[in-house]
């Protein structure tokens, strides 16, 4: 019976060792998979951050271009307003000159008729 018990003990020890080895293998496999997932996650985060940085850079460039265009348009509008004021002034002067010329012509015609 002692021999039988020793044999069973040895069998159980071998079974335990096999189970422990299987557990260690499984643990190593799980750790390797976790490491791979962490690496992939880190890679994806980097790619996402790079894309975000690039998008931000492009947006800043577009905003700057829009600001420059707005500034240019404001300058153009300002110069057009000055041109309009200048043209109004010229029109007024021409109207006054035309009025004076018409008055002078009228007086000349009156003088000529007499």
PDB file of N, CA and C in Angstrom:
ATOM      1  N   UNK A   1       0.828  -1.192   0.000  1.00  0.00           N
ATOM      2  CA  UNK A   1       0.000   0.000   0.000  1.00  0.00           C
ATOM      3  C   UNK A   1       0.877   1.262   0.000  1.00  0.00           C
ATOM      4  N   UNK A   2       1.976   1.182   0.722  1.00  0.00           N
ATOM      5  CA  UNK A   2       2.913   2.313   0.741  1.00  0.00           C
ATOM      6  C   UNK A   2       3.450   2.568  -0.655  1.00  0.00           C
ATOM      7  N   UNK A   3       3.759   1.500  -1.338  1.00  0.00           N
ATOM      8  CA  UNK A   3       4.268   1.607  -2.699  1.00  0.00           C
ATOM      9  C   UNK A   3       3.197   2.245  -3.606  1.00  0.00           C
ATOM     10  N   UNK A   4       1.956   1.838  -3.409  1.00  0.00           N
ATOM     11  CA  UNK A   4       0.857   2.385  -4.197  1.00  0.00           C
ATOM     12  C   UNK A   4       0.686   3.874  -3.919  1.00  0.00           C
ATOM     13  N   UNK A   5       0.765   4.227  -2.633  1.00  0.00           N
ATOM     14  CA  UNK A   5       0.639   5.635  -2.254  1.00  0.00           C
ATOM     15  C   UNK A   5       1.788   6.453  -2.819  1.00  0.00           C
ATOM     16  N   UNK A   6       2.975   5.932  -2.766  1.00  0.00           N
ATOM     17  CA  UNK A   6       4.143   6.622  -3.301  1.00  0.00           C
ATOM     18  C   UNK A   6       3.980   6.807  -4.810  1.00  0.00           C
ATOM     19  N   UNK A   7       3.482   5.793  -5.447  1.00  0.00           N
ATOM     20  CA  UNK A   7       3.264   5.859  -6.892  1.00  0.00           C
ATOM     21  C   UNK A   7       2.216   6.914  -7.221  1.00  0.00           C
ATOM     22  N   UNK A   8       1.125   6.922  -6.452  1.00  0.00           N
ATOM     23  CA  UNK A   8       0.082   7.936  -6.660  1.00  0.00           C
ATOM     24  C   UNK A   8       0.633   9.330  -6.392  1.00  0.00           C
ATOM     25  N   UNK A   9       1.444   9.450  -5.345  1.00  0.00           N
ATOM     26  CA  UNK A   9       2.059  10.740  -5.011  1.00  0.00           C
ATOM     27  C   UNK A   9       2.940  11.213  -6.152  1.00  0.00           C
ATOM     28  N   UNK A  10       3.736  10.298  -6.677  1.00  0.00           N
ATOM     29  CA  UNK A  10       4.620  10.652  -7.796  1.00  0.00           C
ATOM     30  C   UNK A  10       3.797  11.044  -9.027  1.00  0.00           C
ATOM     31  N   UNK A  11       2.715  10.313  -9.257  1.00  0.00           N
ATOM     32  CA  UNK A  11       1.837  10.615 -10.396  1.00  0.00           C
ATOM     33  C   UNK A  11       1.196  11.996 -10.209  1.00  0.00           C
ATOM     34  N   UNK A  12       0.726  12.250  -8.989  1.00  0.00           N
ATOM     35  CA  UNK A  12       0.132  13.560  -8.708  1.00  0.00           C
ATOM     36  C   UNK A  12       1.177  14.680  -8.838  1.00  0.00           C
ATOM     37  N   UNK A  13       2.396  14.424  -8.396  1.00  0.00           N
ATOM     38  CA  UNK A  13       3.470  15.420  -8.509  1.00  0.00           C
ATOM     39  C   UNK A  13       3.758  15.712  -9.973  1.00  0.00           C
ATOM     40  N   UNK A  14       3.793  14.640 -10.811  1.00  0.00           N
ATOM     41  CA  UNK A  14       4.016  14.840 -12.247  1.00  0.00           C
ATOM     42  C   UNK A  14       2.853  15.620 -12.869  1.00  0.00           C
ATOM     43  N   UNK A  15       1.631  15.249 -12.462  1.00  0.00           N
ATOM     44  CA  UNK A  15       0.456  15.967 -12.981  1.00  0.00           C
ATOM     45  C   UNK A  15       0.512  17.440 -12.566  1.00  0.00           C
ATOM     46  N   UNK A  16       0.863  17.667 -11.289  1.00  0.00           N
ATOM     47  CA  UNK A  16       0.976  19.036 -10.800  1.00  0.00           C
ATOM     48  C   UNK A  16       2.043  19.804 -11.572  1.00  0.00           C
ATOM     49  N   UNK A  17       3.159  19.169 -11.806  1.00  0.00           N
ATOM     50  CA  UNK A  17       4.244  19.819 -12.556  1.00  0.00           C
ATOM     51  C   UNK A  17       3.800  20.136 -13.977  1.00  0.00           C
ATOM     52  N   UNK A  18       3.061  19.186 -14.605  1.00  0.00           N
ATOM     53  CA  UNK A  18       2.562  19.429 -15.968  1.00  0.00           C
ATOM     54  C   UNK A  18       1.593  20.617 -15.979  1.00  0.00           C
ATOM     55  N   UNK A  19       0.689  20.627 -14.981  1.00  0.00           N
ATOM     56  CA  UNK A  19      -0.277  21.724 -14.901  1.00  0.00           C
ATOM     57  C   UNK A  19       0.457  23.048 -14.660  1.00  0.00           C
ATOM     58  N   UNK A  20       1.464  23.043 -13.778  1.00  0.00           N
ATOM     59  CA  UNK A  20       2.242  24.259 -13.517  1.00  0.00           C
ATOM     60  C   UNK A  20       2.973  24.719 -14.773  1.00  0.00           C
ATOM     61  N   UNK A  21       3.532  23.761 -15.510  1.00  0.00           N
ATOM     62  CA  UNK A  21       4.219  24.112 -16.767  1.00  0.00           C
ATOM     63  C   UNK A  21       3.232  24.704 -17.778  1.00  0.00           C
ATOM     64  N   UNK A  22       2.053  24.093 -17.867  1.00  0.00           N
ATOM     65  CA  UNK A  22       1.032  24.607 -18.781  1.00  0.00           C
ATOM     66  C   UNK A  22       0.610  26.018 -18.368  1.00  0.00           C
ATOM     67  N   UNK A  23       0.451  26.209 -17.060  1.00  0.00           N
ATOM     68  CA  UNK A  23       0.088  27.539 -16.566  1.00  0.00           C
ATOM     69  C   UNK A  23       1.176  28.564 -16.870  1.00  0.00           C
ATOM     70  N   UNK A  24       2.429  28.156 -16.684  1.00  0.00           N
ATOM     71  CA  UNK A  24       3.537  29.073 -16.988  1.00  0.00           C
ATOM     72  C   UNK A  24       3.565  29.412 -18.475  1.00  0.00           C
ATOM     73  N   UNK A  25       3.341  28.409 -19.323  1.00  0.00           N
ATOM     74  CA  UNK A  25       3.306  28.646 -20.770  1.00  0.00           C
ATOM     75  C   UNK A  25       2.155  29.606 -21.120  1.00  0.00           C
ATOM     76  N   UNK A  26       0.986  29.333 -20.505  1.00  0.00           N
ATOM     77  CA  UNK A  26      -0.173  30.180 -20.771  1.00  0.00           C
ATOM     78  C   UNK A  26       0.088  31.607 -20.281  1.00  0.00           C
ATOM     79  N   UNK A  27       0.699  31.730 -19.097  1.00  0.00           N
ATOM     80  CA  UNK A  27       1.028  33.043 -18.549  1.00  0.00           C
ATOM     81  C   UNK A  27       2.002  33.778 -19.464  1.00  0.00           C
ATOM     82  N   UNK A  28       3.013  33.051 -19.960  1.00  0.00           N
ATOM     83  CA  UNK A  28       3.980  33.664 -20.891  1.00  0.00           C
ATOM     84  C   UNK A  28       3.287  34.107 -22.170  1.00  0.00           C
ATOM     85  N   UNK A  29       2.392  33.279 -22.675  1.00  0.00           N
ATOM     86  CA  UNK A  29       1.662  33.623 -23.896  1.00  0.00           C
ATOM     87  C   UNK A  29       0.788  34.858 -23.678  1.00  0.00           C
ATOM     88  N   UNK A  30       0.098  34.897 -22.541  1.00  0.00           N
ATOM     89  CA  UNK A  30      -0.755  36.052 -22.228  1.00  0.00           C
ATOM     90  C   UNK A  30       0.094  37.310 -22.071  1.00  0.00           C
ATOM     91  N   UNK A  31       1.248  37.200 -21.386  1.00  0.00           N
ATOM     92  CA  UNK A  31       2.131  38.367 -21.229  1.00  0.00           C
ATOM     93  C   UNK A  31       2.637  38.851 -22.585  1.00  0.00           C
ATOM     94  N   UNK A  32       2.965  37.906 -23.472  1.00  0.00           N
ATOM     95  CA  UNK A  32       3.433  38.272 -24.815  1.00  0.00           C
ATOM     96  C   UNK A  32       2.310  38.995 -25.571  1.00  0.00           C
ATOM     97  N   UNK A  33       1.085  38.458 -25.493  1.00  0.00           N
ATOM     98  CA  UNK A  33      -0.045  39.098 -26.169  1.00  0.00           C
ATOM     99  C   UNK A  33      -0.311  40.488 -25.604  1.00  0.00           C
ATOM    100  N   UNK A  34      -0.255  40.624 -24.277  1.00  0.00           N
ATOM    101  CA  UNK A  34      -0.442  41.942 -23.649  1.00  0.00           C
ATOM    102  C   UNK A  34       0.610  42.914 -24.147  1.00  0.00           C
ATOM    103  N   UNK A  35       1.853  42.445 -24.227  1.00  0.00           N
ATOM    104  CA  UNK A  35       2.945  43.294 -24.717  1.00  0.00           C
ATOM    105  C   UNK A  35       2.688  43.729 -26.160  1.00  0.00           C
ATOM    106  N   UNK A  36       2.241  42.768 -26.989  1.00  0.00           N
ATOM    107  CA  UNK A  36       1.934  43.099 -28.385  1.00  0.00           C
ATOM    108  C   UNK A  36       0.800  44.119 -28.467  1.00  0.00           C
ATOM    109  N   UNK A  37      -0.251  43.932 -27.660  1.00  0.00           N
ATOM    110  CA  UNK A  37      -1.374  44.881 -27.664  1.00  0.00           C
ATOM    111  C   UNK A  37      -0.926  46.265 -27.200  1.00  0.00           C
ATOM    112  N   UNK A  38      -0.069  46.286 -26.181  1.00  0.00           N
ATOM    113  CA  UNK A  38       0.438  47.577 -25.704  1.00  0.00           C
ATOM    114  C   UNK A  38       1.242  48.271 -26.796  1.00  0.00           C
ATOM    115  N   UNK A  39       2.090  47.489 -27.487  1.00  0.00           N
ATOM    116  CA  UNK A  39       2.884  48.066 -28.579  1.00  0.00           C
ATOM    117  C   UNK A  39       1.980  48.611 -29.682  1.00  0.00           C
ATOM    118  N   UNK A  40       0.952  47.828 -30.049  1.00  0.00           N
ATOM    119  CA  UNK A  40       0.027  48.279 -31.096  1.00  0.00           C
ATOM    120  C   UNK A  40      -0.743  49.508 -30.653  1.00  0.00           C
ATOM    121  N   UNK A  41      -1.153  49.520 -29.386  1.00  0.00           N
ATOM    122  CA  UNK A  41      -1.869  50.684 -28.853  1.00  0.00           C
ATOM    123  C   UNK A  41      -0.980  51.925 -28.892  1.00  0.00           C
ATOM    124  N   UNK A  42       0.269  51.759 -28.472  1.00  0.00           N
ATOM    125  CA  UNK A  42       1.210  52.881 -28.490  1.00  0.00           C
ATOM    126  C   UNK A  42       1.427  53.380 -29.920  1.00  0.00           C
ATOM    127  N   UNK A  43       1.543  52.448 -30.855  1.00  0.00           N
ATOM    128  CA  UNK A  43       1.734  52.803 -32.262  1.00  0.00           C
ATOM    129  C   UNK A  43       0.509  53.567 -32.795  1.00  0.00           C
ATOM    130  N   UNK A  44      -0.678  53.079 -32.446  1.00  0.00           N
ATOM    131  CA  UNK A  44      -1.906  53.757 -32.872  1.00  0.00           C
ATOM    132  C   UNK A  44      -2.019  55.141 -32.245  1.00  0.00           C
ATOM    133  N   UNK A  45      -1.645  55.247 -30.975  1.00  0.00           N
ATOM    134  CA  UNK A  45      -1.688  56.558 -30.315  1.00  0.00           C
ATOM    135  C   UNK A  45      -0.722  57.525 -30.981  1.00  0.00           C
ATOM    136  N   UNK A  46       0.457  57.035 -31.334  1.00  0.00           N
ATOM    137  CA  UNK A  46       1.436  57.902 -32.034  1.00  0.00           C
ATOM    138  C   UNK A  46       0.893  58.343 -33.381  1.00  0.00           C
ATOM    139  N   UNK A  47       0.324  57.381 -34.121  1.00  0.00           N
ATOM    140  CA  UNK A  47      -0.231  57.716 -35.440  1.00  0.00           C
ATOM    141  C   UNK A  47      -1.360  58.731 -35.291  1.00  0.00           C
ATOM    142  N   UNK A  48      -2.201  58.535 -34.293  1.00  0.00           N
ATOM    143  CA  UNK A  48      -3.308  59.467 -34.035  1.00  0.00           C
ATOM    144  C   UNK A  48      -2.764  60.849 -33.678  1.00  0.00           C
ATOM    145  N   UNK A  49      -1.746  60.882 -32.822  1.00  0.00           N
ATOM    146  CA  UNK A  49      -1.159  62.166 -32.413  1.00  0.00           C
ATOM    147  C   UNK A  49      -0.508  62.861 -33.607  1.00  0.00           C
ATOM    148  N   UNK A  50       0.175  62.086 -34.455  1.00  0.00           N
ATOM    149  CA  UNK A  50       0.786  62.660 -35.653  1.00  0.00           C
ATOM    150  C   UNK A  50      -0.273  63.250 -36.578  1.00  0.00           C
ATOM    151  N   UNK A  51      -1.369  62.497 -36.765  1.00  0.00           N
ATOM    152  CA  UNK A  51      -2.450  62.986 -37.626  1.00  0.00           C
ATOM    153  C   UNK A  51      -3.070  64.246 -37.031  1.00  0.00           C
ATOM    154  N   UNK A  52      -3.246  64.255 -35.723  1.00  0.00           N
ATOM    155  CA  UNK A  52      -3.815  65.421 -35.042  1.00  0.00           C
ATOM    156  C   UNK A  52      -2.894  66.633 -35.190  1.00  0.00           C
ATOM    157  N   UNK A  53      -1.605  66.409 -35.001  1.00  0.00           N
ATOM    158  CA  UNK A  53      -0.629  67.495 -35.142  1.00  0.00           C
ATOM    159  C   UNK A  53      -0.645  68.055 -36.562  1.00  0.00           C
ATOM    160  N   UNK A  54      -0.685  67.158 -37.551  1.00  0.00           N
ATOM    161  CA  UNK A  54      -0.704  67.587 -38.953  1.00  0.00           C
ATOM    162  C   UNK A  54      -1.987  68.360 -39.266  1.00  0.00           C
ATOM    163  N   UNK A  55      -3.111  67.873 -38.753  1.00  0.00           N
ATOM    164  CA  UNK A  55      -4.382  68.564 -38.974  1.00  0.00           C
ATOM    165  C   UNK A  55      -4.350  69.950 -38.334  1.00  0.00           C
ATOM    166  N   UNK A  56      -3.821  70.036 -37.130  1.00  0.00           N
ATOM    167  CA  UNK A  56      -3.710  71.338 -36.452  1.00  0.00           C
ATOM    168  C   UNK A  56      -2.819  72.294 -37.243  1.00  0.00           C
ATOM    169  N   UNK A  57      -1.707  71.768 -37.764  1.00  0.00           N
ATOM    170  CA  UNK A  57      -0.795  72.600 -38.551  1.00  0.00           C
ATOM    171  C   UNK A  57      -1.512  73.137 -39.794  1.00  0.00           C
ATOM    172  N   UNK A  58      -2.215  72.245 -40.494  1.00  0.00           N
ATOM    173  CA  UNK A  58      -2.936  72.676 -41.698  1.00  0.00           C
ATOM    174  C   UNK A  58      -4.020  73.694 -41.351  1.00  0.00           C
ATOM    175  N   UNK A  59      -4.741  73.454 -40.245  1.00  0.00           N
ATOM    176  CA  UNK A  59      -5.784  74.401 -39.829  1.00  0.00           C
ATOM    177  C   UNK A  59      -5.183  75.769 -39.516  1.00  0.00           C
ATOM    178  N   UNK A  60      -4.029  75.786 -38.828  1.00  0.00           N
ATOM    179  CA  UNK A  60      -3.380  77.065 -38.520  1.00  0.00           C
ATOM    180  C   UNK A  60      -2.978  77.783 -39.800  1.00  0.00           C
ATOM    181  N   UNK A  61      -2.456  77.020 -40.780  1.00  0.00           N
ATOM    182  CA  UNK A  61      -2.077  77.631 -42.057  1.00  0.00           C
ATOM    183  C   UNK A  61      -3.299  78.217 -42.755  1.00  0.00           C
ATOM    184  N   UNK A  62      -4.406  77.464 -42.747  1.00  0.00           N
ATOM    185  CA  UNK A  62      -5.626  77.952 -43.388  1.00  0.00           C
ATOM    186  C   UNK A  62      -6.156  79.193 -42.676  1.00  0.00           C
ATOM    187  N   UNK A  63      -6.115  79.175 -41.352  1.00  0.00           N
ATOM    188  CA  UNK A  63      -6.579  80.337 -40.584  1.00  0.00           C
ATOM    189  C   UNK A  63      -5.713  81.549 -40.906  1.00  0.00           C
ATOM    190  N   UNK A  64      -4.396  81.350 -40.957  1.00  0.00           N
ATOM    191  CA  UNK A  64      -3.487  82.452 -41.279  1.00  0.00           C
ATOM    192  C   UNK A  64      -3.771  82.987 -42.677  1.00  0.00           C
ATOM    193  N   UNK A  65      -3.999  82.070 -43.632  1.00  0.00           N
ATOM    194  CA  UNK A  65      -4.312  82.494 -45.002  1.00  0.00           C
ATOM    195  C   UNK A  65      -5.619  83.285 -45.029  1.00  0.00           C
ATOM    196  N   UNK A  66      -6.590  82.839 -44.243  1.00  0.00           N
ATOM    197  CA  UNK A  66      -7.876  83.569 -44.178  1.00  0.00           C
ATOM    198  C   UNK A  66      -7.682  84.957 -43.571  1.00  0.00           C
ATOM    199  N   UNK A  67      -6.870  85.034 -42.507  1.00  0.00           N
ATOM    200  CA  UNK A  67      -6.600  86.342 -41.893  1.00  0.00           C
ATOM    201  C   UNK A  67      -5.931  87.281 -42.902  1.00  0.00           C
ATOM    202  N   UNK A  68      -4.978  86.736 -43.655  1.00  0.00           N
ATOM    203  CA  UNK A  68      -4.291  87.563 -44.662  1.00  0.00           C
ATOM    204  C   UNK A  68      -5.274  88.023 -45.733  1.00  0.00           C
ATOM    205  N   UNK A  69      -6.161  87.099 -46.148  1.00  0.00           N
ATOM    206  CA  UNK A  69      -7.138  87.467 -47.180  1.00  0.00           C
ATOM    207  C   UNK A  69      -8.101  88.525 -46.642  1.00  0.00           C
ATOM    208  N   UNK A  70      -8.549  88.360 -45.402  1.00  0.00           N
ATOM    209  CA  UNK A  70      -9.442  89.357 -44.782  1.00  0.00           C
ATOM    210  C   UNK A  70      -8.748  90.712 -44.725  1.00  0.00           C
ATOM    211  N   UNK A  71      -7.490  90.710 -44.304  1.00  0.00           N
ATOM    212  CA  UNK A  71      -6.736  91.958 -44.217  1.00  0.00           C
ATOM    213  C   UNK A  71      -6.609  92.608 -45.590  1.00  0.00           C
ATOM    214  N   UNK A  72      -6.308  91.784 -46.584  1.00  0.00           N
ATOM    215  CA  UNK A  72      -6.181  92.292 -47.950  1.00  0.00           C
ATOM    216  C   UNK A  72      -7.512  92.873 -48.435  1.00  0.00           C
ATOM    217  N   UNK A  73      -8.607  92.156 -48.154  1.00  0.00           N
ATOM    218  CA  UNK A  73      -9.925  92.646 -48.574  1.00  0.00           C
ATOM    219  C   UNK A  73     -10.299  93.934 -47.845  1.00  0.00           C
ATOM    220  N   UNK A  74      -9.964  94.012 -46.549  1.00  0.00           N
ATOM    221  CA  UNK A  74     -10.243  95.235 -45.795  1.00  0.00           C
ATOM    222  C   UNK A  74      -9.478  96.411 -46.387  1.00  0.00           C
ATOM    223  N   UNK A  75      -8.218  96.167 -46.748  1.00  0.00           N
ATOM    224  CA  UNK A  75      -7.411  97.222 -47.370  1.00  0.00           C
ATOM    225  C   UNK A  75      -8.023  97.636 -48.715  1.00  0.00           C
ATOM    226  N   UNK A  76      -8.438  96.624 -49.497  1.00  0.00           N
ATOM    227  CA  UNK A  76      -9.054  96.903 -50.797  1.00  0.00           C
ATOM    228  C   UNK A  76     -10.327  97.720 -50.617  1.00  0.00           C
ATOM    229  N   UNK A  77     -11.169  97.323 -49.659  1.00  0.00           N
ATOM    230  CA  UNK A  77     -12.422  98.049 -49.398  1.00  0.00           C
ATOM    231  C   UNK A  77     -12.132  99.488 -48.989  1.00  0.00           C
ATOM    232  N   UNK A  78     -11.133  99.649 -48.119  1.00  0.00           N
ATOM    233  CA  UNK A  78     -10.754 100.993 -47.672  1.00  0.00           C
ATOM    234  C   UNK A  78     -10.308 101.849 -48.855  1.00  0.00           C
ATOM    235  N   UNK A  79      -9.477 101.279 -49.724  1.00  0.00           N
ATOM    236  CA  UNK A  79      -9.012 102.055 -50.879  1.00  0.00           C
ATOM    237  C   UNK A  79     -10.174 102.346 -51.836  1.00  0.00           C
ATOM    238  N   UNK A  80     -11.128 101.406 -51.962  1.00  0.00           N
ATOM    239  CA  UNK A  80     -12.289 101.641 -52.821  1.00  0.00           C
ATOM    240  C   UNK A  80     -13.168 102.753 -52.252  1.00  0.00           C
ATOM    241  N   UNK A  81     -13.307 102.790 -50.919  1.00  0.00           N
ATOM    242  CA  UNK A  81     -14.086 103.860 -50.293  1.00  0.00           C
ATOM    243  C   UNK A  81     -13.441 105.214 -50.569  1.00  0.00           C
ATOM    244  N   UNK A  82     -12.094 105.266 -50.449  1.00  0.00           N
ATOM    245  CA  UNK A  82     -11.401 106.525 -50.749  1.00  0.00           C
ATOM    246  C   UNK A  82     -11.594 106.918 -52.203  1.00  0.00           C
ATOM    247  N   UNK A  83     -11.530 105.930 -53.093  1.00  0.00           N
ATOM    248  CA  UNK A  83     -11.717 106.197 -54.523  1.00  0.00           C
ATOM    249  C   UNK A  83     -13.134 106.716 -54.784  1.00  0.00           C
ATOM    250  N   UNK A  84     -14.111 106.124 -54.110  1.00  0.00           N
ATOM    251  CA  UNK A  84     -15.505 106.574 -54.268  1.00  0.00           C
ATOM    252  C   UNK A  84     -15.645 108.023 -53.797  1.00  0.00           C
ATOM    253  N   UNK A  85     -15.052 108.334 -52.635  1.00  0.00           N
ATOM    254  CA  UNK A  85     -15.108 109.708 -52.130  1.00  0.00           C
ATOM    255  C   UNK A  85     -14.444 110.672 -53.114  1.00  0.00           C
ATOM    256  N   UNK A  86     -13.316 110.252 -53.660  1.00  0.00           N
ATOM    257  CA  UNK A  86     -12.605 111.085 -54.639  1.00  0.00           C
ATOM    258  C   UNK A  86     -13.472 111.294 -55.878  1.00  0.00           C
ATOM    259  N   UNK A  87     -14.105 110.234 -56.347  1.00  0.00           N
ATOM    260  CA  UNK A  87     -14.968 110.349 -57.534  1.00  0.00           C
ATOM    261  C   UNK A  87     -16.191 111.229 -57.253  1.00  0.00           C
ATOM    262  N   UNK A  88     -16.748 111.118 -56.040  1.00  0.00           N
ATOM    263  CA  UNK A  88     -17.885 111.979 -55.673  1.00  0.00           C
ATOM    264  C   UNK A  88     -17.463 113.451 -55.695  1.00  0.00           C
ATOM    265  N   UNK A  89     -16.273 113.699 -55.147  1.00  0.00           N
ATOM    266  CA  UNK A  89     -15.766 115.074 -55.114  1.00  0.00           C
ATOM    267  C   UNK A  89     -15.554 115.593 -56.532  1.00  0.00           C
ATOM    268  N   UNK A  90     -14.958 114.749 -57.371  1.00  0.00           N
ATOM    269  CA  UNK A  90     -14.748 115.149 -58.771  1.00  0.00           C
ATOM    270  C   UNK A  90     -16.074 115.400 -59.477  1.00  0.00           C
ATOM    271  N   UNK A  91     -17.067 114.537 -59.204  1.00  0.00           N
ATOM    272  CA  UNK A  91     -18.389 114.705 -59.822  1.00  0.00           C
ATOM    273  C   UNK A  91     -19.001 116.034 -59.403  1.00  0.00           C
ATOM    274  N   UNK A  92     -18.870 116.342 -58.107  1.00  0.00           N
ATOM    275  CA  UNK A  92     -19.425 117.599 -57.609  1.00  0.00           C
ATOM    276  C   UNK A  92     -18.735 118.792 -58.277  1.00  0.00           C
ATOM    277  N   UNK A  93     -17.404 118.713 -58.401  1.00  0.00           N
ATOM    278  CA  UNK A  93     -16.669 119.804 -59.056  1.00  0.00           C
ATOM    279  C   UNK A  93     -17.084 119.937 -60.519  1.00  0.00           C
ATOM    280  N   UNK A  94     -17.233 118.763 -61.175  1.00  0.00           N
ATOM    281  CA  UNK A  94     -17.648 118.804 -62.589  1.00  0.00           C
ATOM    282  C   UNK A  94     -19.061 119.364 -62.731  1.00  0.00           C
ATOM    283  N   UNK A  95     -19.947 118.973 -61.802  1.00  0.00           N
ATOM    284  CA  UNK A  95     -21.319 119.527 -61.848  1.00  0.00           C
ATOM    285  C   UNK A  95     -21.300 121.038 -61.644  1.00  0.00           C
ATOM    286  N   UNK A  96     -20.481 121.512 -60.706  1.00  0.00           N
ATOM    287  CA  UNK A  96     -20.371 122.959 -60.479  1.00  0.00           C
ATOM    288  C   UNK A  96     -19.804 123.655 -61.711  1.00  0.00           C
ATOM    289  N   UNK A  97     -18.765 123.047 -62.303  1.00  0.00           N
ATOM    290  CA  UNK A  97     -18.172 123.640 -63.512  1.00  0.00           C
ATOM    291  C   UNK A  97     -19.178 123.656 -64.649  1.00  0.00           C
ATOM    292  N   UNK A  98     -19.953 122.571 -64.766  1.00  0.00           N
ATOM    293  CA  UNK A  98     -20.966 122.506 -65.819  1.00  0.00           C
ATOM    294  C   UNK A  98     -22.043 123.568 -65.593  1.00  0.00           C
ATOM    295  N   UNK A  99     -22.433 123.734 -64.340  1.00  0.00           N
ATOM    296  CA  UNK A  99     -23.441 124.745 -64.004  1.00  0.00           C
ATOM    297  C   UNK A  99     -22.924 126.140 -64.371  1.00  0.00           C
ATOM    298  N   UNK A 100     -21.660 126.399 -63.990  1.00  0.00           N
ATOM    299  CA  UNK A 100     -21.066 127.705 -64.313  1.00  0.00           C
ATOM    300  C   UNK A 100     -20.970 127.903 -65.824  1.00  0.00           C
ATOM    301  N   UNK A 101     -20.559 126.819 -66.522  1.00  0.00           N
ATOM    302  CA  UNK A 101     -20.441 126.919 -67.983  1.00  0.00           C
ATOM    303  C   UNK A 101     -21.808 127.164 -68.617  1.00  0.00           C
ATOM    304  N   UNK A 102     -22.829 126.496 -68.102  1.00  0.00           N
ATOM    305  CA  UNK A 102     -24.189 126.703 -68.635  1.00  0.00           C
ATOM    306  C   UNK A 102     -24.662 128.128 -68.362  1.00  0.00           C
ATOM    307  N   UNK A 103     -24.340 128.651 -67.183  1.00  0.00           N
ATOM    308  CA  UNK A 103     -24.722 130.033 -66.873  1.00  0.00           C
ATOM    309  C   UNK A 103     -24.007 130.999 -67.819  1.00  0.00           C
ATOM    310  N   UNK A 104     -22.695 130.741 -68.005  1.00  0.00           N
ATOM    311  CA  UNK A 104     -21.935 131.614 -68.901  1.00  0.00           C
ATOM    312  C   UNK A 104     -22.472 131.522 -70.320  1.00  0.00           C
ATOM    313  N   UNK A 105     -22.803 130.306 -70.749  1.00  0.00           N
ATOM    314  CA  UNK A 105     -23.358 130.118 -72.091  1.00  0.00           C
ATOM    315  C   UNK A 105     -24.692 130.849 -72.217  1.00  0.00           C
ATOM    316  N   UNK A 106     -25.473 130.733 -71.164  1.00  0.00           N
ATOM    317  CA  UNK A 106     -26.786 131.418 -71.163  1.00  0.00           C
ATOM    318  C   UNK A 106     -26.576 132.911 -71.293  1.00  0.00           C
ATOM    319  N   UNK A 107     -25.642 133.463 -70.557  1.00  0.00           N
ATOM    320  CA  UNK A 107     -25.397 134.901 -70.634  1.00  0.00           C
ATOM    321  C   UNK A 107     -24.864 135.299 -72.004  1.00  0.00           C
ATOM    322  N   UNK A 108     -23.983 134.431 -72.553  1.00  0.00           N
ATOM    323  CA  UNK A 108     -23.458 134.702 -73.907  1.00  0.00           C
ATOM    324  C   UNK A 108     -24.570 134.693 -74.933  1.00  0.00           C
ATOM    325  N   UNK A 109     -25.483 133.727 -74.778  1.00  0.00           N
ATOM    326  CA  UNK A 109     -26.609 133.661 -75.727  1.00  0.00           C
ATOM    327  C   UNK A 109     -27.500 134.902 -75.602  1.00  0.00           C
ATOM    328  N   UNK A 110     -27.706 135.340 -74.340  1.00  0.00           N
ATOM    329  CA  UNK A 110     -28.508 136.559 -74.139  1.00  0.00           C
ATOM    330  C   UNK A 110     -27.824 137.744 -74.789  1.00  0.00           C
ATOM    331  N   UNK A 111     -26.509 137.818 -74.624  1.00  0.00           N
ATOM    332  CA  UNK A 111     -25.767 138.941 -75.207  1.00  0.00           C
ATOM    333  C   UNK A 111     -25.823 138.875 -76.728  1.00  0.00           C
ATOM    334  N   UNK A 112     -25.734 137.694 -77.246  1.00  0.00           N
ATOM    335  CA  UNK A 112     -25.740 137.511 -78.683  1.00  0.00           C
ATOM    336  C   UNK A 112     -27.115 137.861 -79.258  1.00  0.00           C
ATOM    337  N   UNK A 113     -28.160 137.511 -78.571  1.00  0.00           N
ATOM    338  CA  UNK A 113     -29.525 137.777 -79.028  1.00  0.00           C
ATOM    339  C   UNK A 113     -29.754 139.280 -79.062  1.00  0.00           C
ATOM    340  N   UNK A 114     -29.218 140.076 -78.219  1.00  0.00           N
ATOM    341  CA  UNK A 114     -29.445 141.525 -78.175  1.00  0.00           C
ATOM    342  C   UNK A 114     -28.749 142.126 -79.312  1.00  0.00           C
TER     343      UNK A 114
END
